[in-house]
C-alpha atoms as a PDB file:
ATOM      1  CA  GLN A   1      18.660  -0.573  -6.179  1.00  0.00           C
ATOM      2  CA  VAL A   2      15.427   0.275  -4.381  1.00  0.00           C
ATOM      3  CA  GLN A   3      14.138  -2.421  -2.067  1.00  0.00           C
ATOM      4  CA  LEU A   4      10.692  -2.582  -0.481  1.00  0.00           C
ATOM      5  CA  VAL A   5       9.760  -4.855   2.416  1.00  0.00           C
ATOM      6  CA  GLU A   6       6.154  -5.128   3.536  1.00  0.00           C
ATOM      7  CA  SER A   7       4.968  -6.183   6.976  1.00  0.00           C
ATOM      8  CA  GLY A   8       1.900  -6.019   9.181  1.00  0.00           C
ATOM      9  CA  GLY A   9      -0.428  -8.435   7.464  1.00  0.00           C
ATOM     10  CA  GLY A  10      -2.412 -11.040   9.327  1.00  0.00           C
ATOM     11  CA  LEU A  11      -5.747 -12.694  10.027  1.00  0.00           C
ATOM     12  CA  VAL A  12      -8.450 -10.453  11.479  1.00  0.00           C
ATOM     13  CA  GLN A  13     -12.202 -10.436  11.826  1.00  0.00           C
ATOM     14  CA  ALA A  14     -14.482  -8.209   9.790  1.00  0.00           C
ATOM     15  CA  GLY A  15     -14.629  -4.712  11.246  1.00  0.00           C
ATOM     16  CA  ALA A  16     -11.103  -4.818  12.618  1.00  0.00           C
ATOM     17  CA  SER A  17      -8.158  -2.597  11.727  1.00  0.00           C
ATOM     18  CA  LEU A  18      -4.638  -3.318  10.510  1.00  0.00           C
ATOM     19  CA  ARG A  19      -1.676  -1.153   9.633  1.00  0.00           C
ATOM     20  CA  LEU A  20       0.614  -2.311   6.853  1.00  0.00           C
ATOM     21  CA  SER A  21       4.169  -1.012   6.682  1.00  0.00           C
ATOM     22  CA  CYS A  22       6.574  -0.883   3.752  1.00  0.00           C
ATOM     23  CA  ALA A  23      10.221  -0.179   4.537  1.00  0.00           C
ATOM     24  CA  PHE A  24      12.048   1.598   1.700  1.00  0.00           C
ATOM     25  CA  SER A  25      15.811   1.397   1.116  1.00  0.00           C
ATOM     26  CA  GLY A  26      18.378   1.817  -1.638  1.00  0.00           C
ATOM     27  CA  GLY A  27      17.249   5.206  -2.901  1.00  0.00           C
ATOM     28  CA  ALA A  28      16.167   8.706  -1.971  1.00  0.00           C
ATOM     29  CA  PHE A  29      12.817   8.139  -0.266  1.00  0.00           C
ATOM     30  CA  ASN A  30      11.807  11.780  -0.712  1.00  0.00           C
ATOM     31  CA  ASN A  31      11.907  11.374  -4.502  1.00  0.00           C
ATOM     32  CA  TYR A  32       9.535   8.457  -4.803  1.00  0.00           C
ATOM     33  CA  ALA A  33       5.810   8.020  -5.100  1.00  0.00           C
ATOM     34  CA  LEU A  34       4.611   4.998  -3.148  1.00  0.00           C
ATOM     35  CA  GLY A  35       1.622   2.848  -3.837  1.00  0.00           C
ATOM     36  CA  TRP A  36      -0.241  -0.092  -2.363  1.00  0.00           C
ATOM     37  CA  PHE A  37      -1.761  -2.790  -4.539  1.00  0.00           C
ATOM     38  CA  ARG A  38      -3.537  -6.028  -3.737  1.00  0.00           C
ATOM     39  CA  GLN A  39      -4.232  -9.312  -5.437  1.00  0.00           C
ATOM     40  CA  ALA A  40      -6.897 -11.745  -4.334  1.00  0.00           C
ATOM     41  CA  PRO A  41      -6.847 -15.410  -5.436  1.00  0.00           C
ATOM     42  CA  GLY A  42      -7.905 -15.739  -9.059  1.00  0.00           C
ATOM     43  CA  MET A  43      -8.105 -11.977  -9.500  1.00  0.00           C
ATOM     44  CA  GLU A  44      -5.963  -9.383 -11.221  1.00  0.00           C
ATOM     45  CA  ARG A  45      -3.778  -7.133  -9.123  1.00  0.00           C
ATOM     46  CA  GLU A  46      -5.537  -3.867  -8.361  1.00  0.00           C
ATOM     47  CA  PHE A  47      -4.445  -0.436  -7.205  1.00  0.00           C
ATOM     48  CA  VAL A  48      -5.501   0.366  -3.641  1.00  0.00           C
ATOM     49  CA  ALA A  49      -3.828   3.645  -2.676  1.00  0.00           C
ATOM     50  CA  GLY A  50      -0.982   5.899  -3.737  1.00  0.00           C
ATOM     51  CA  ILE A  51       0.860   8.978  -2.523  1.00  0.00           C
ATOM     52  CA  ASN A  52       2.943  11.247  -4.721  1.00  0.00           C
ATOM     53  CA  TRP A  53       6.631  11.888  -4.273  1.00  0.00           C
ATOM     54  CA  ARG A  54       5.996  15.185  -2.431  1.00  0.00           C
ATOM     55  CA  GLY A  55       3.550  13.492  -0.084  1.00  0.00           C
ATOM     56  CA  ASP A  56       0.834  16.068  -0.695  1.00  0.00           C
ATOM     57  CA  SER A  57      -1.447  14.174  -3.049  1.00  0.00           C
ATOM     58  CA  LYS A  58      -3.159  10.836  -2.465  1.00  0.00           C
ATOM     59  CA  ASP A  59      -5.330   8.565  -4.566  1.00  0.00           C
ATOM     60  CA  TYR A  60      -7.559   5.671  -3.522  1.00  0.00           C
ATOM     61  CA  VAL A  61      -9.668   3.058  -5.225  1.00  0.00           C
ATOM     62  CA  ASP A  62     -13.343   3.776  -4.557  1.00  0.00           C
ATOM     63  CA  SER A  63     -13.877   0.612  -2.524  1.00  0.00           C
ATOM     64  CA  VAL A  64     -11.465   1.742   0.224  1.00  0.00           C
ATOM     65  CA  LYS A  65     -12.159   5.478   0.348  1.00  0.00           C
ATOM     66  CA  GLY A  66     -13.011   6.515   3.898  1.00  0.00           C
ATOM     67  CA  ARG A  67     -11.590   3.276   5.330  1.00  0.00           C
ATOM     68  CA  PHE A  68      -7.914   3.200   4.262  1.00  0.00           C
ATOM     69  CA  THR A  69      -5.269   5.890   4.656  1.00  0.00           C
ATOM     70  CA  ILE A  70      -1.837   5.989   3.040  1.00  0.00           C
ATOM     71  CA  SER A  71       0.983   7.996   4.602  1.00  0.00           C
ATOM     72  CA  LYS A  72       4.742   8.497   4.292  1.00  0.00           C
ATOM     73  CA  ASP A  73       7.116   8.656   7.267  1.00  0.00           C
ATOM     74  CA  TYR A  74      10.181  10.614   6.148  1.00  0.00           C
ATOM     75  CA  VAL A  75      12.121   9.767   9.324  1.00  0.00           C
ATOM     76  CA  LYS A  76      11.680   6.002   9.069  1.00  0.00           C
ATOM     77  CA  ASN A  77      11.605   5.883   5.231  1.00  0.00           C
ATOM     78  CA  THR A  78       8.420   3.898   5.486  1.00  0.00           C
ATOM     79  CA  VAL A  79       5.015   4.078   3.850  1.00  0.00           C
ATOM     80  CA  TYR A  80       1.972   2.931   5.774  1.00  0.00           C
ATOM     81  CA  LEU A  81      -1.487   1.748   4.840  1.00  0.00           C
ATOM     82  CA  GLN A  82      -3.875   2.152   7.756  1.00  0.00           C
ATOM     83  CA  MET A  83      -6.882  -0.062   7.133  1.00  0.00           C
ATOM     84  CA  THR A  84     -10.069   0.216   9.172  1.00  0.00           C
ATOM     85  CA  SER A  85     -13.516  -1.387   8.986  1.00  0.00           C
ATOM     86  CA  LEU A  86     -12.015  -4.324   7.153  1.00  0.00           C
ATOM     87  CA  LYS A  87     -14.281  -6.536   5.081  1.00  0.00           C
ATOM     88  CA  PRO A  88     -13.856 -10.094   3.790  1.00  0.00           C
ATOM     89  CA  ASP A  89     -13.527  -8.579   0.281  1.00  0.00           C
ATOM     90  CA  ASP A  90     -10.307  -6.913   1.452  1.00  0.00           C
ATOM     91  CA  THR A  91      -8.665 -10.329   1.723  1.00  0.00           C
ATOM     92  CA  ALA A  92      -5.631 -10.374  -0.575  1.00  0.00           C
ATOM     93  CA  VAL A  93      -1.877 -10.210  -0.774  1.00  0.00           C
ATOM     94  CA  TYR A  94      -0.917  -6.555  -0.420  1.00  0.00           C
ATOM     95  CA  TYR A  95       2.073  -5.201  -2.305  1.00  0.00           C
ATOM     96  CA  CYS A  96       4.021  -1.992  -1.928  1.00  0.00           C
ATOM     97  CA  ALA A  97       5.414  -0.259  -5.028  1.00  0.00           C
ATOM     98  CA  ALA A  98       7.617   2.753  -5.751  1.00  0.00           C
ATOM     99  CA  ASP A  99       8.070   5.098  -8.695  1.00  0.00           C
ATOM    100  CA  ARG A 100      10.617   7.924  -8.866  1.00  0.00           C
ATOM    101  CA  TRP A 101       9.055  11.375  -9.195  1.00  0.00           C
ATOM    102  CA  GLY A 102       5.678   9.713  -9.502  1.00  0.00           C
ATOM    103  CA  SER A 103       2.193  11.095  -8.963  1.00  0.00           C
ATOM    104  CA  GLY A 104       0.960   8.165  -6.884  1.00  0.00           C
ATOM    105  CA  SER A 105      -2.085   7.815  -9.092  1.00  0.00           C
ATOM    106  CA  SER A 106      -3.892   4.634 -10.019  1.00  0.00           C
ATOM    107  CA  GLY A 107      -2.737   4.813 -13.637  1.00  0.00           C
ATOM    108  CA  GLU A 108       0.934   5.123 -12.868  1.00  0.00           C
ATOM    109  CA  SER A 109       3.534   2.549 -13.863  1.00  0.00           C
ATOM    110  CA  TYR A 110       5.454   1.631 -10.722  1.00  0.00           C
ATOM    111  CA  GLU A 111       9.058   0.578 -11.144  1.00  0.00           C
ATOM    112  CA  TYR A 112       9.864  -1.280  -7.922  1.00  0.00           C
ATOM    113  CA  TRP A 113       7.799  -3.842  -6.035  1.00  0.00           C
ATOM    114  CA  GLY A 114       7.907  -5.621  -2.709  1.00  0.00           C
ATOM    115  CA  GLN A 115       7.189  -9.288  -2.063  1.00  0.00           C
ATOM    116  CA  GLY A 116       3.797  -8.777  -0.480  1.00  0.00           C
ATOM    117  CA  THR A 117       2.072  -9.423   2.830  1.00  0.00           C
ATOM    118  CA  GLN A 118      -1.078 -11.488   3.296  1.00  0.00           C
ATOM    119  CA  VAL A 119      -4.218  -9.922   4.747  1.00  0.00           C
ATOM    120  CA  THR A 120      -7.100 -12.232   5.550  1.00  0.00           C
ATOM    121  CA  VAL A 121     -10.412 -10.920   6.847  1.00  0.00           C
ATOM    122  CA  SER A 122     -12.853 -13.462   8.234  1.00  0.00           C
ATOM    123  CA  SER A 123     -16.605 -12.878   8.363  1.00  0.00           C
END
């Protein structure tokens, strides 16, 4: 059973950077697309970024393009979300998700989910 554990969230000021980590276990990391989603209070969960199972294709929601970067570390079996130039609108609980042989696209149905990590950006 695939397990995902997020870490790295916190409280930062606008303009700061954070790096979220998602540790993957219980499966063959190389075979999974990984995605990051977020959910702000009172809002629906939204796709933020995804990377396909090969690691050679990435997708981002328009609001984070140029600021966030998703990457896979095949040694540590971890997926990262590097976030820069953070804005108050980025405040949300961030979730990691995995899908076997997936494309990492925004429209994909992800099978496994982590518990989330809180990111709060103050103005």
